[in-house]
Amino acid sequence: MRALLANLGFLLQFSGILILSTAFLALYFNEVQASVSFFITVSTLFVFGFTMNALCERKEISVRNGMILLFLTFLLLGLIGTIPYLYLKVFGEISLESFTNSFFESVSTITTTGLSSIKSFEESPISLRVYRSISSFAGGVGIVFIFLTFLYPDTQLTSFQKIFGLSETEKIKKKFLSILLFYAICFFVFSFLFYFFYKDFLTVSTFTLSSLSTSSFPNVQDVLARIPLPLIILPMLVGATNIKIFISSQRKFYLAELCLLLASIAILLFFFVQNGFDFYSSMFHSVSLATTSGSSFVSFSSVAEYVKIVMVVAMFIGGCSLSTAGGLKCLRILLIGKGIKKVVKNVFKKSEEISEEESVAYLLFFLMVSFAVLSSFILALYGFGFLDSLLESVSAISNTGISLGIAYAAPLELKWLFSFLMLIGRIEILPIIALFVKES
């Protein structure tokens, strides 16, 4: 436990460093109240972080503790991330309701879901919008965990390699450095490219960060009005694609993932057009849904029931593995398909053992379906239609952020349910189970 808390302390401190840039940006824009809120947030992160480091010893942690660390990091960042919203009274005076909405907003941001209870982003401080984009990017890329790996010697990184789905033969520091470099290049390339069409670098840079982290962008229609569609969907596609396609020489298997992602986009496009959407809107929302980016400028409340089912399936599948996208992930869908073939062969006495990766894929599939269906029944008890409830639940657990309005109009207890779904969706449920499983 002491080692776990020590590592958690380092992660909180690094998160504070990231937010510190937002505090100075607020000062630059003369947003004094916002700046104070960010400095309070940074101070809180530093105090907790330094205290944990001072009282605990940092050393190698097990895979189980690594999973618990993942859960605690997102939970604490979600709780501490409520400070700017509470201090700025974004949701009114401090109360249980404003705290619930602030926690919902904070969790939605760091999990890259993008659901929001803020009615008008145009009236909120510029620095708060930047804060949301930076938080989404850090949560999507897992930048705080990437930073933590550089504090460990190579011989003590086994648990982190397993958490991130990397084999033990890969050099994790080199791989993570390549990931950071790739996303940094993408950020600058897309930002400068978009700047030629939208002459506001702050807007295009925050939009790029949100898109690369597959998180929704609040005023996306304004950006779409100035930047061509083929360009605007590129960072969403890059964010939802397995990073190994870009930085590894072994691309064959990961290209199969990409093909499944593109197939999801094509199927959504077909059904949206058939349902009466114009091609422009259909293409944008097909990419936004399949990549779990969640940006939207239309209402899905009136779409046909069969289209909602297709949307649910696409969001549930999600993007590729080792990407910033949410959902079950295309790789696991392929592994499940591979496992089914083995089961069929075993029926005919051609014994083939199901691999550990395939077993994990089956387990996560079962857990995600169970949580989504159970949440849908709970929402249905409040008078919402079951299919609409299922779409909203899958949107939360897949970290997509598309909403029919249920999440916004939900009573406080359902806001906590949605927050829980977003958290377990981003950490992929297994760390929750690790809390109740004894170390072997």
Protein backbone atom coordinates (compact mmCIF):
# COMPACT_ATOMS: atom_id res chain seq x y z
CA MET A 1 0.00 0.00 0.00
CA ARG A 2 2.84 2.41 0.85
CA ALA A 3 4.44 1.86 -2.57
CA LEU A 4 1.07 2.40 -4.26
CA LEU A 5 0.50 5.71 -2.43
CA ALA A 6 4.03 6.89 -3.22
CA ASN A 7 3.42 6.36 -6.93
CA LEU A 8 0.04 8.03 -6.63
CA GLY A 9 1.78 11.01 -5.06
CA PHE A 10 4.08 11.40 -8.06
CA LEU A 11 1.12 11.23 -10.44
CA LEU A 12 -0.76 13.92 -8.54
CA GLN A 13 2.29 16.19 -8.57
CA PHE A 14 2.76 15.78 -12.30
CA SER A 15 -0.94 16.50 -12.87
CA GLY A 16 -0.44 19.70 -10.88
CA ILE A 17 2.40 20.72 -13.21
CA LEU A 18 0.10 20.26 -16.22
CA ILE A 19 -2.65 22.41 -14.70
CA LEU A 20 -0.14 25.09 -13.66
CA SER A 21 0.13 26.16 -17.31
CA THR A 22 -3.63 26.83 -17.33
CA ALA A 23 -3.32 29.02 -14.21
CA PHE A 24 -0.71 31.23 -15.91
CA LEU A 25 -2.81 31.33 -19.08
CA ALA A 26 -5.74 32.62 -17.02
CA LEU A 27 -3.50 35.40 -15.67
CA TYR A 28 -2.49 36.27 -19.24
CA PHE A 29 -6.15 36.69 -20.20
CA ASN A 30 -6.80 38.65 -16.99
CA GLU A 31 -9.19 35.96 -15.73
CA VAL A 32 -8.24 36.47 -12.11
CA GLN A 33 -10.94 34.31 -10.51
CA ALA A 34 -10.21 31.43 -12.88
CA SER A 35 -6.49 31.77 -12.19
CA VAL A 36 -7.09 31.57 -8.43
CA SER A 37 -9.22 28.44 -8.90
CA PHE A 38 -6.44 26.74 -10.87
CA PHE A 39 -3.76 27.73 -8.36
CA ILE A 40 -5.92 26.24 -5.58
CA THR A 41 -6.28 23.05 -7.66
CA VAL A 42 -2.53 22.88 -8.28
CA SER A 43 -1.78 23.50 -4.59
CA THR A 44 -4.17 20.72 -3.57
CA LEU A 45 -2.51 18.28 -5.98
CA PHE A 46 0.96 19.26 -4.74
CA VAL A 47 0.02 18.99 -1.04
CA PHE A 48 -1.50 15.51 -1.46
CA GLY A 49 1.32 14.45 -3.78
CA PHE A 50 4.20 15.62 -1.57
CA THR A 51 2.55 14.19 1.56
CA MET A 52 2.20 10.76 -0.03
CA ASN A 53 5.82 10.88 -1.20
CA ALA A 54 7.09 11.95 2.22
CA LEU A 55 5.23 9.26 4.14
CA CYS A 56 5.62 6.38 1.68
CA GLU A 57 8.43 4.61 -0.17
CA ARG A 58 8.36 4.48 -3.97
CA LYS A 59 9.23 1.05 -5.31
CA GLU A 60 7.99 -1.51 -7.81
CA ILE A 61 4.29 -2.38 -7.59
CA SER A 62 2.44 -5.52 -8.64
CA VAL A 63 0.02 -5.72 -11.56
CA ARG A 64 -2.93 -5.72 -9.12
CA ASN A 65 -1.65 -2.61 -7.35
CA GLY A 66 -0.95 -1.06 -10.73
CA MET A 67 -4.61 -1.48 -11.62
CA ILE A 68 -5.69 -0.04 -8.27
CA LEU A 69 -3.31 2.88 -8.90
CA LEU A 70 -5.04 3.48 -12.24
CA PHE A 71 -8.46 3.61 -10.55
CA LEU A 72 -7.33 5.85 -7.68
CA THR A 73 -5.61 8.27 -10.05
CA PHE A 74 -8.73 8.87 -12.13
CA LEU A 75 -10.93 9.01 -9.03
CA LEU A 76 -8.76 11.55 -7.19
CA LEU A 77 -8.20 13.66 -10.30
CA GLY A 78 -11.96 13.66 -10.78
CA LEU A 79 -12.53 14.82 -7.20
CA ILE A 80 -9.79 17.46 -7.13
CA GLY A 81 -10.80 18.54 -10.63
CA THR A 82 -14.10 19.81 -9.20
CA ILE A 83 -12.32 22.78 -7.58
CA PRO A 84 -12.35 25.17 -10.58
CA TYR A 85 -16.06 24.53 -11.22
CA LEU A 86 -16.96 25.01 -7.56
CA TYR A 87 -14.79 28.11 -7.06
CA LEU A 88 -16.10 29.78 -10.23
CA LYS A 89 -19.67 28.78 -9.26
CA VAL A 90 -20.24 27.35 -12.73
CA PHE A 91 -23.22 25.43 -11.34
CA GLY A 92 -24.27 27.98 -8.72
CA GLU A 93 -23.51 28.28 -5.03
CA ILE A 94 -21.68 25.39 -3.35
CA SER A 95 -24.18 22.65 -2.54
CA LEU A 96 -24.64 18.92 -3.08
CA GLU A 97 -26.13 19.69 -6.50
CA SER A 98 -23.25 21.91 -7.64
CA PHE A 99 -20.68 19.41 -6.31
CA THR A 100 -22.42 16.56 -8.15
CA ASN A 101 -22.47 18.53 -11.41
CA SER A 102 -18.84 19.57 -10.91
CA PHE A 103 -17.73 15.97 -10.28
CA PHE A 104 -19.74 14.82 -13.31
CA GLU A 105 -18.05 17.53 -15.41
CA SER A 106 -14.58 16.73 -14.08
CA VAL A 107 -14.90 12.97 -14.59
CA SER A 108 -16.38 13.49 -18.06
CA THR A 109 -13.33 15.56 -18.97
CA ILE A 110 -10.51 13.34 -17.71
CA THR A 111 -12.16 10.20 -19.13
CA THR A 112 -12.47 11.95 -22.55
CA THR A 113 -16.25 11.36 -22.54
CA GLY A 114 -17.18 15.00 -23.06
CA LEU A 115 -20.68 14.97 -21.57
CA SER A 116 -21.31 18.40 -20.08
CA SER A 117 -23.89 20.13 -17.93
CA ILE A 118 -22.51 23.58 -18.79
CA LYS A 119 -25.23 25.36 -20.75
CA SER A 120 -23.10 28.01 -22.48
CA PHE A 121 -19.39 27.44 -23.04
CA GLU A 122 -19.11 30.80 -24.78
CA GLU A 123 -19.72 32.55 -21.45
CA SER A 124 -17.19 30.45 -19.50
CA PRO A 125 -13.55 31.65 -19.09
CA ILE A 126 -11.19 30.84 -21.96
CA SER A 127 -8.78 29.22 -19.51
CA LEU A 128 -11.51 26.82 -18.32
CA ARG A 129 -11.97 25.60 -21.88
CA VAL A 130 -8.21 25.09 -22.22
CA TYR A 131 -8.20 23.29 -18.86
CA ARG A 132 -10.81 20.86 -20.19
CA SER A 133 -8.81 20.15 -23.36
CA ILE A 134 -5.55 19.57 -21.48
CA SER A 135 -7.30 17.31 -18.95
CA SER A 136 -8.91 15.28 -21.74
CA PHE A 137 -5.62 14.86 -23.56
CA ALA A 138 -3.79 13.83 -20.38
CA GLY A 139 -6.52 11.32 -19.55
CA GLY A 140 -6.78 9.94 -23.08
CA VAL A 141 -3.08 9.50 -23.73
CA GLY A 142 -2.39 8.41 -20.14
CA ILE A 143 0.35 11.00 -20.01
CA VAL A 144 0.68 10.92 -16.21
CA PHE A 145 1.39 7.18 -16.31
CA ILE A 146 3.80 7.64 -19.19
CA PHE A 147 5.65 10.18 -17.06
CA LEU A 148 5.73 7.78 -14.12
CA THR A 149 7.49 5.08 -16.17
CA PHE A 150 10.49 7.37 -16.64
CA LEU A 151 10.97 7.44 -12.84
CA TYR A 152 11.43 3.65 -12.76
CA PRO A 153 14.43 1.58 -13.89
CA ASP A 154 13.66 -0.67 -16.89
CA THR A 155 13.77 -3.80 -14.70
CA GLN A 156 10.79 -2.60 -12.63
CA LEU A 157 8.28 -1.78 -15.36
CA THR A 158 6.61 -5.17 -15.87
CA SER A 159 3.32 -4.12 -14.26
CA PHE A 160 3.02 -0.99 -16.40
CA GLN A 161 3.72 -2.92 -19.59
CA LYS A 162 0.88 -5.32 -18.82
CA ILE A 163 -1.51 -2.48 -17.92
CA PHE A 164 -0.84 -0.76 -21.25
CA GLY A 165 -1.01 -3.98 -23.27
CA LEU A 166 2.67 -4.01 -24.24
CA SER A 167 4.70 -7.21 -24.39
CA GLU A 168 7.59 -7.72 -22.01
CA THR A 169 10.03 -7.72 -24.93
CA GLU A 170 9.20 -4.11 -25.84
CA LYS A 171 11.29 -1.29 -24.43
CA ILE A 172 8.57 0.64 -22.66
CA LYS A 173 10.43 3.93 -22.19
CA LYS A 174 11.41 4.09 -25.84
CA LYS A 175 7.86 3.19 -26.85
CA PHE A 176 6.28 5.83 -24.62
CA LEU A 177 8.76 8.45 -25.82
CA SER A 178 7.73 7.62 -29.39
CA ILE A 179 4.06 7.95 -28.43
CA LEU A 180 4.56 11.39 -26.86
CA LEU A 181 6.65 12.56 -29.81
CA PHE A 182 4.05 11.34 -32.31
CA TYR A 183 1.14 13.08 -30.56
CA ALA A 184 3.20 16.26 -30.17
CA ILE A 185 3.93 16.31 -33.91
CA CYS A 186 0.25 15.65 -34.70
CA PHE A 187 -0.80 18.45 -32.37
CA PHE A 188 1.41 21.06 -34.03
CA VAL A 189 0.72 19.87 -37.59
CA PHE A 190 -3.08 19.85 -37.20
CA SER A 191 -3.14 23.09 -35.21
CA PHE A 192 -1.15 25.03 -37.80
CA LEU A 193 -3.12 23.41 -40.63
CA PHE A 194 -6.44 24.43 -39.05
CA TYR A 195 -5.12 27.91 -38.36
CA PHE A 196 -5.12 28.65 -42.10
CA PHE A 197 -8.92 28.32 -42.05
CA TYR A 198 -9.78 29.45 -38.50
CA LYS A 199 -7.61 32.41 -37.46
CA ASP A 200 -7.76 31.74 -33.74
CA PHE A 201 -4.86 29.59 -32.58
CA LEU A 202 -6.28 29.03 -29.09
CA THR A 203 -9.50 27.60 -30.52
CA VAL A 204 -7.81 25.37 -33.10
CA SER A 205 -5.26 24.12 -30.57
CA THR A 206 -7.93 23.18 -28.01
CA PHE A 207 -10.00 21.59 -30.77
CA THR A 208 -6.96 19.57 -31.89
CA LEU A 209 -6.23 18.41 -28.33
CA SER A 210 -9.87 17.38 -27.87
CA SER A 211 -9.98 15.55 -31.21
CA LEU A 212 -6.71 13.68 -30.68
CA SER A 213 -7.95 12.58 -27.26
CA THR A 214 -11.30 11.59 -28.86
CA SER A 215 -13.21 13.94 -26.59
CA SER A 216 -16.11 16.12 -27.69
CA PHE A 217 -15.64 19.80 -28.49
CA PRO A 218 -18.44 22.16 -27.30
CA ASN A 219 -18.72 24.63 -30.21
CA VAL A 220 -17.84 22.18 -32.97
CA GLN A 221 -20.38 23.62 -35.42
CA ASP A 222 -18.52 26.94 -35.48
CA VAL A 223 -15.25 25.14 -36.28
CA LEU A 224 -16.95 22.98 -38.92
CA ALA A 225 -18.29 26.09 -40.65
CA ARG A 226 -14.72 27.22 -41.42
CA ILE A 227 -12.59 24.07 -41.71
CA PRO A 228 -13.22 21.50 -44.50
CA LEU A 229 -14.74 18.20 -43.33
CA PRO A 230 -11.95 15.92 -44.70
CA LEU A 231 -9.44 17.81 -42.55
CA ILE A 232 -11.55 18.07 -39.42
CA ILE A 233 -12.12 14.32 -39.08
CA LEU A 234 -8.42 13.49 -39.43
CA PRO A 235 -7.34 14.08 -35.79
CA MET A 236 -10.33 12.03 -34.56
CA LEU A 237 -9.28 9.13 -36.81
CA VAL A 238 -5.64 9.44 -35.71
CA GLY A 239 -6.68 9.48 -32.04
CA ALA A 240 -8.81 6.33 -32.46
CA THR A 241 -6.17 4.39 -34.44
CA ASN A 242 -3.71 2.03 -32.77
CA ILE A 243 -0.56 4.08 -32.21
CA LYS A 244 1.59 1.11 -33.35
CA ILE A 245 0.39 1.62 -36.92
CA PHE A 246 2.31 4.91 -36.95
CA ILE A 247 5.39 4.04 -34.87
CA SER A 248 5.93 0.30 -35.41
CA SER A 249 7.14 -1.75 -38.37
CA GLN A 250 4.77 -4.62 -37.51
CA ARG A 251 1.44 -3.25 -38.71
CA LYS A 252 -0.37 -6.24 -40.22
CA PHE A 253 -2.58 -7.27 -37.28
CA TYR A 254 -3.27 -3.67 -36.27
CA LEU A 255 -4.42 -2.85 -39.80
CA ALA A 256 -7.21 -5.41 -39.26
CA GLU A 257 -8.32 -3.28 -36.30
CA LEU A 258 -8.32 -0.18 -38.49
CA CYS A 259 -10.41 -1.97 -41.10
CA LEU A 260 -13.01 -2.82 -38.44
CA LEU A 261 -13.08 0.83 -37.32
CA LEU A 262 -13.55 2.02 -40.91
CA ALA A 263 -16.30 -0.59 -41.38
CA SER A 264 -18.13 0.84 -38.34
CA ILE A 265 -17.88 4.31 -39.87
CA ALA A 266 -19.17 3.08 -43.24
CA ILE A 267 -22.15 1.26 -41.67
CA LEU A 268 -23.08 4.32 -39.57
CA LEU A 269 -22.79 6.52 -42.66
CA PHE A 270 -25.16 4.27 -44.59
CA PHE A 271 -27.82 4.28 -41.86
CA PHE A 272 -27.56 8.02 -41.17
CA VAL A 273 -28.02 8.86 -44.86
CA GLN A 274 -30.89 6.38 -45.10
CA ASN A 275 -32.51 8.07 -42.09
CA GLY A 276 -32.50 11.45 -43.85
CA PHE A 277 -29.26 13.11 -42.70
CA ASP A 278 -27.29 14.94 -45.38
CA PHE A 279 -23.95 13.41 -46.38
CA TYR A 280 -21.89 16.12 -44.64
CA SER A 281 -23.59 15.60 -41.26
CA SER A 282 -23.66 11.83 -41.72
CA MET A 283 -19.93 11.60 -42.39
CA PHE A 284 -18.96 13.80 -39.46
CA HIS A 285 -21.21 12.05 -36.95
CA SER A 286 -20.25 8.58 -38.24
CA VAL A 287 -16.58 9.33 -37.54
CA SER A 288 -17.41 11.06 -34.25
CA LEU A 289 -19.43 8.08 -32.98
CA ALA A 290 -17.18 5.26 -34.21
CA THR A 291 -14.05 6.93 -32.80
CA THR A 292 -15.94 7.71 -29.54
CA SER A 293 -15.12 11.40 -29.99
CA GLY A 294 -18.73 12.36 -29.34
CA SER A 295 -18.77 15.82 -30.95
CA SER A 296 -22.22 16.55 -32.35
CA PHE A 297 -24.36 19.37 -33.71
CA VAL A 298 -27.63 17.50 -34.36
CA SER A 299 -30.25 15.87 -32.14
CA PHE A 300 -30.47 12.07 -32.25
CA SER A 301 -33.73 11.93 -30.32
CA SER A 302 -35.83 11.59 -33.46
CA VAL A 303 -33.74 9.02 -35.34
CA ALA A 304 -35.29 5.63 -36.06
CA GLU A 305 -34.99 2.89 -33.45
CA TYR A 306 -32.86 0.68 -35.72
CA VAL A 307 -30.40 3.56 -36.21
CA LYS A 308 -30.07 3.91 -32.43
CA ILE A 309 -29.24 0.20 -32.24
CA VAL A 310 -26.49 0.66 -34.84
CA MET A 311 -25.18 3.64 -32.85
CA VAL A 312 -25.11 1.55 -29.67
CA VAL A 313 -23.12 -1.23 -31.38
CA ALA A 314 -20.63 1.22 -32.94
CA MET A 315 -20.01 3.03 -29.64
CA PHE A 316 -19.70 -0.27 -27.77
CA ILE A 317 -17.03 -1.52 -30.20
CA GLY A 318 -15.19 1.81 -30.02
CA GLY A 319 -11.76 2.57 -31.45
CA CYS A 320 -8.55 0.58 -31.77
CA SER A 321 -6.41 -0.70 -28.91
CA LEU A 322 -3.52 1.52 -27.75
CA SER A 323 -5.45 4.59 -28.84
CA THR A 324 -7.16 7.39 -26.94
CA ALA A 325 -10.60 6.06 -27.95
CA GLY A 326 -13.01 4.30 -25.61
CA GLY A 327 -15.28 1.30 -26.04
CA LEU A 328 -14.43 -2.41 -25.87
CA LYS A 329 -11.83 -1.81 -28.64
CA CYS A 330 -11.65 -3.35 -32.12
CA LEU A 331 -8.79 -5.66 -31.14
CA ARG A 332 -10.94 -7.38 -28.52
CA ILE A 333 -13.78 -7.83 -31.02
CA LEU A 334 -11.28 -9.57 -33.33
CA LEU A 335 -10.01 -11.70 -30.43
CA ILE A 336 -13.58 -12.68 -29.52
CA GLY A 337 -14.18 -13.71 -33.12
CA LYS A 338 -10.96 -15.71 -33.06
CA GLY A 339 -12.00 -17.35 -29.79
CA ILE A 340 -15.39 -18.35 -31.20
CA LYS A 341 -13.62 -20.17 -34.05
CA LYS A 342 -11.61 -22.13 -31.49
CA VAL A 343 -14.75 -23.03 -29.55
CA VAL A 344 -16.39 -24.32 -32.74
CA LYS A 345 -13.29 -26.39 -33.53
CA ASN A 346 -13.29 -27.80 -29.99
CA VAL A 347 -16.87 -29.00 -30.54
CA PHE A 348 -15.54 -31.15 -33.36
CA LYS A 349 -12.71 -32.46 -31.13
CA LYS A 350 -10.01 -30.26 -32.65
CA SER A 351 -8.66 -29.04 -29.34
CA GLU A 352 -7.39 -25.47 -29.37
CA GLU A 353 -6.61 -23.58 -26.19
CA ILE A 354 -8.11 -20.12 -25.73
CA SER A 355 -5.36 -17.58 -25.01
CA GLU A 356 -5.20 -15.24 -22.02
CA GLU A 357 -5.86 -12.23 -24.28
CA GLU A 358 -9.00 -13.90 -25.66
CA SER A 359 -10.20 -14.75 -22.15
CA VAL A 360 -9.74 -11.12 -21.05
CA ALA A 361 -11.64 -9.97 -24.15
CA TYR A 362 -14.57 -12.26 -23.25
CA LEU A 363 -14.52 -11.10 -19.63
CA LEU A 364 -14.53 -7.40 -20.53
CA PHE A 365 -17.27 -7.96 -23.12
CA PHE A 366 -19.45 -9.63 -20.49
CA LEU A 367 -18.74 -6.95 -17.87
CA MET A 368 -19.37 -4.01 -20.22
CA VAL A 369 -22.64 -5.51 -21.44
CA SER A 370 -23.71 -6.27 -17.86
CA PHE A 371 -22.99 -2.75 -16.59
CA ALA A 372 -24.63 -1.12 -19.62
CA VAL A 373 -27.80 -3.23 -19.39
CA LEU A 374 -28.06 -2.87 -15.60
CA SER A 375 -27.69 0.92 -15.90
CA SER A 376 -30.33 0.96 -18.63
CA PHE A 377 -32.80 -0.80 -16.34
CA ILE A 378 -32.07 1.74 -13.60
CA LEU A 379 -32.68 4.62 -16.02
CA ALA A 380 -35.86 2.94 -17.24
CA LEU A 381 -37.16 2.93 -13.66
CA TYR A 382 -37.02 6.74 -13.81
CA GLY A 383 -39.33 6.77 -16.82
CA PHE A 384 -36.82 6.87 -19.68
CA GLY A 385 -37.28 4.52 -22.65
CA PHE A 386 -35.11 1.39 -22.47
CA LEU A 387 -33.42 1.85 -25.86
CA ASP A 388 -32.70 5.52 -25.14
CA SER A 389 -31.38 4.50 -21.73
CA LEU A 390 -29.18 1.84 -23.33
CA LEU A 391 -27.79 4.36 -25.83
CA GLU A 392 -27.05 6.83 -23.03
CA SER A 393 -25.44 4.15 -20.84
CA VAL A 394 -23.24 2.80 -23.64
CA SER A 395 -22.29 6.37 -24.57
CA ALA A 396 -21.05 6.89 -20.99
CA ILE A 397 -19.26 3.57 -20.50
CA SER A 398 -17.62 3.78 -23.94
CA ASN A 399 -16.53 7.39 -23.18
CA THR A 400 -18.27 8.67 -26.31
CA GLY A 401 -20.40 11.47 -24.88
CA ILE A 402 -23.29 11.45 -27.38
CA SER A 403 -26.49 12.20 -25.47
CA LEU A 404 -30.21 12.21 -26.03
CA GLY A 405 -30.55 14.61 -23.12
CA ILE A 406 -30.98 12.04 -20.35
CA ALA A 407 -27.59 12.70 -18.74
CA TYR A 408 -28.25 16.44 -18.61
CA ALA A 409 -31.79 16.21 -17.22
CA ALA A 410 -31.07 13.33 -14.84
CA PRO A 411 -31.54 13.75 -11.07
CA LEU A 412 -28.43 13.87 -8.87
CA GLU A 413 -28.27 10.14 -8.11
CA LEU A 414 -28.21 9.35 -11.85
CA LYS A 415 -25.41 11.90 -12.37
CA TRP A 416 -23.36 9.78 -9.94
CA LEU A 417 -24.30 6.67 -11.92
CA PHE A 418 -23.10 8.29 -15.15
CA SER A 419 -19.88 9.41 -13.44
CA PHE A 420 -19.28 5.82 -12.32
CA LEU A 421 -19.92 4.49 -15.84
CA MET A 422 -17.48 7.00 -17.35
CA LEU A 423 -14.79 6.08 -14.82
CA ILE A 424 -15.04 2.31 -15.26
CA GLY A 425 -15.22 2.79 -19.03
CA ARG A 426 -11.91 4.65 -19.13
CA ILE A 427 -10.08 2.27 -16.77
CA GLU A 428 -11.77 -0.73 -18.45
CA ILE A 429 -13.47 -2.18 -15.33
CA LEU A 430 -10.73 -4.66 -14.35
CA PRO A 431 -9.07 -2.26 -11.84
CA ILE A 432 -12.40 -2.19 -9.97
CA ILE A 433 -12.34 -5.98 -9.75
CA ALA A 434 -8.70 -5.82 -8.56
CA LEU A 435 -9.92 -4.02 -5.43
CA PHE A 436 -11.73 -7.17 -4.33
CA VAL A 437 -9.27 -9.80 -5.56
CA LYS A 438 -6.56 -11.03 -3.22
CA GLU A 439 -2.96 -10.91 -4.51
CA SER A 440 -1.79 -14.39 -5.52
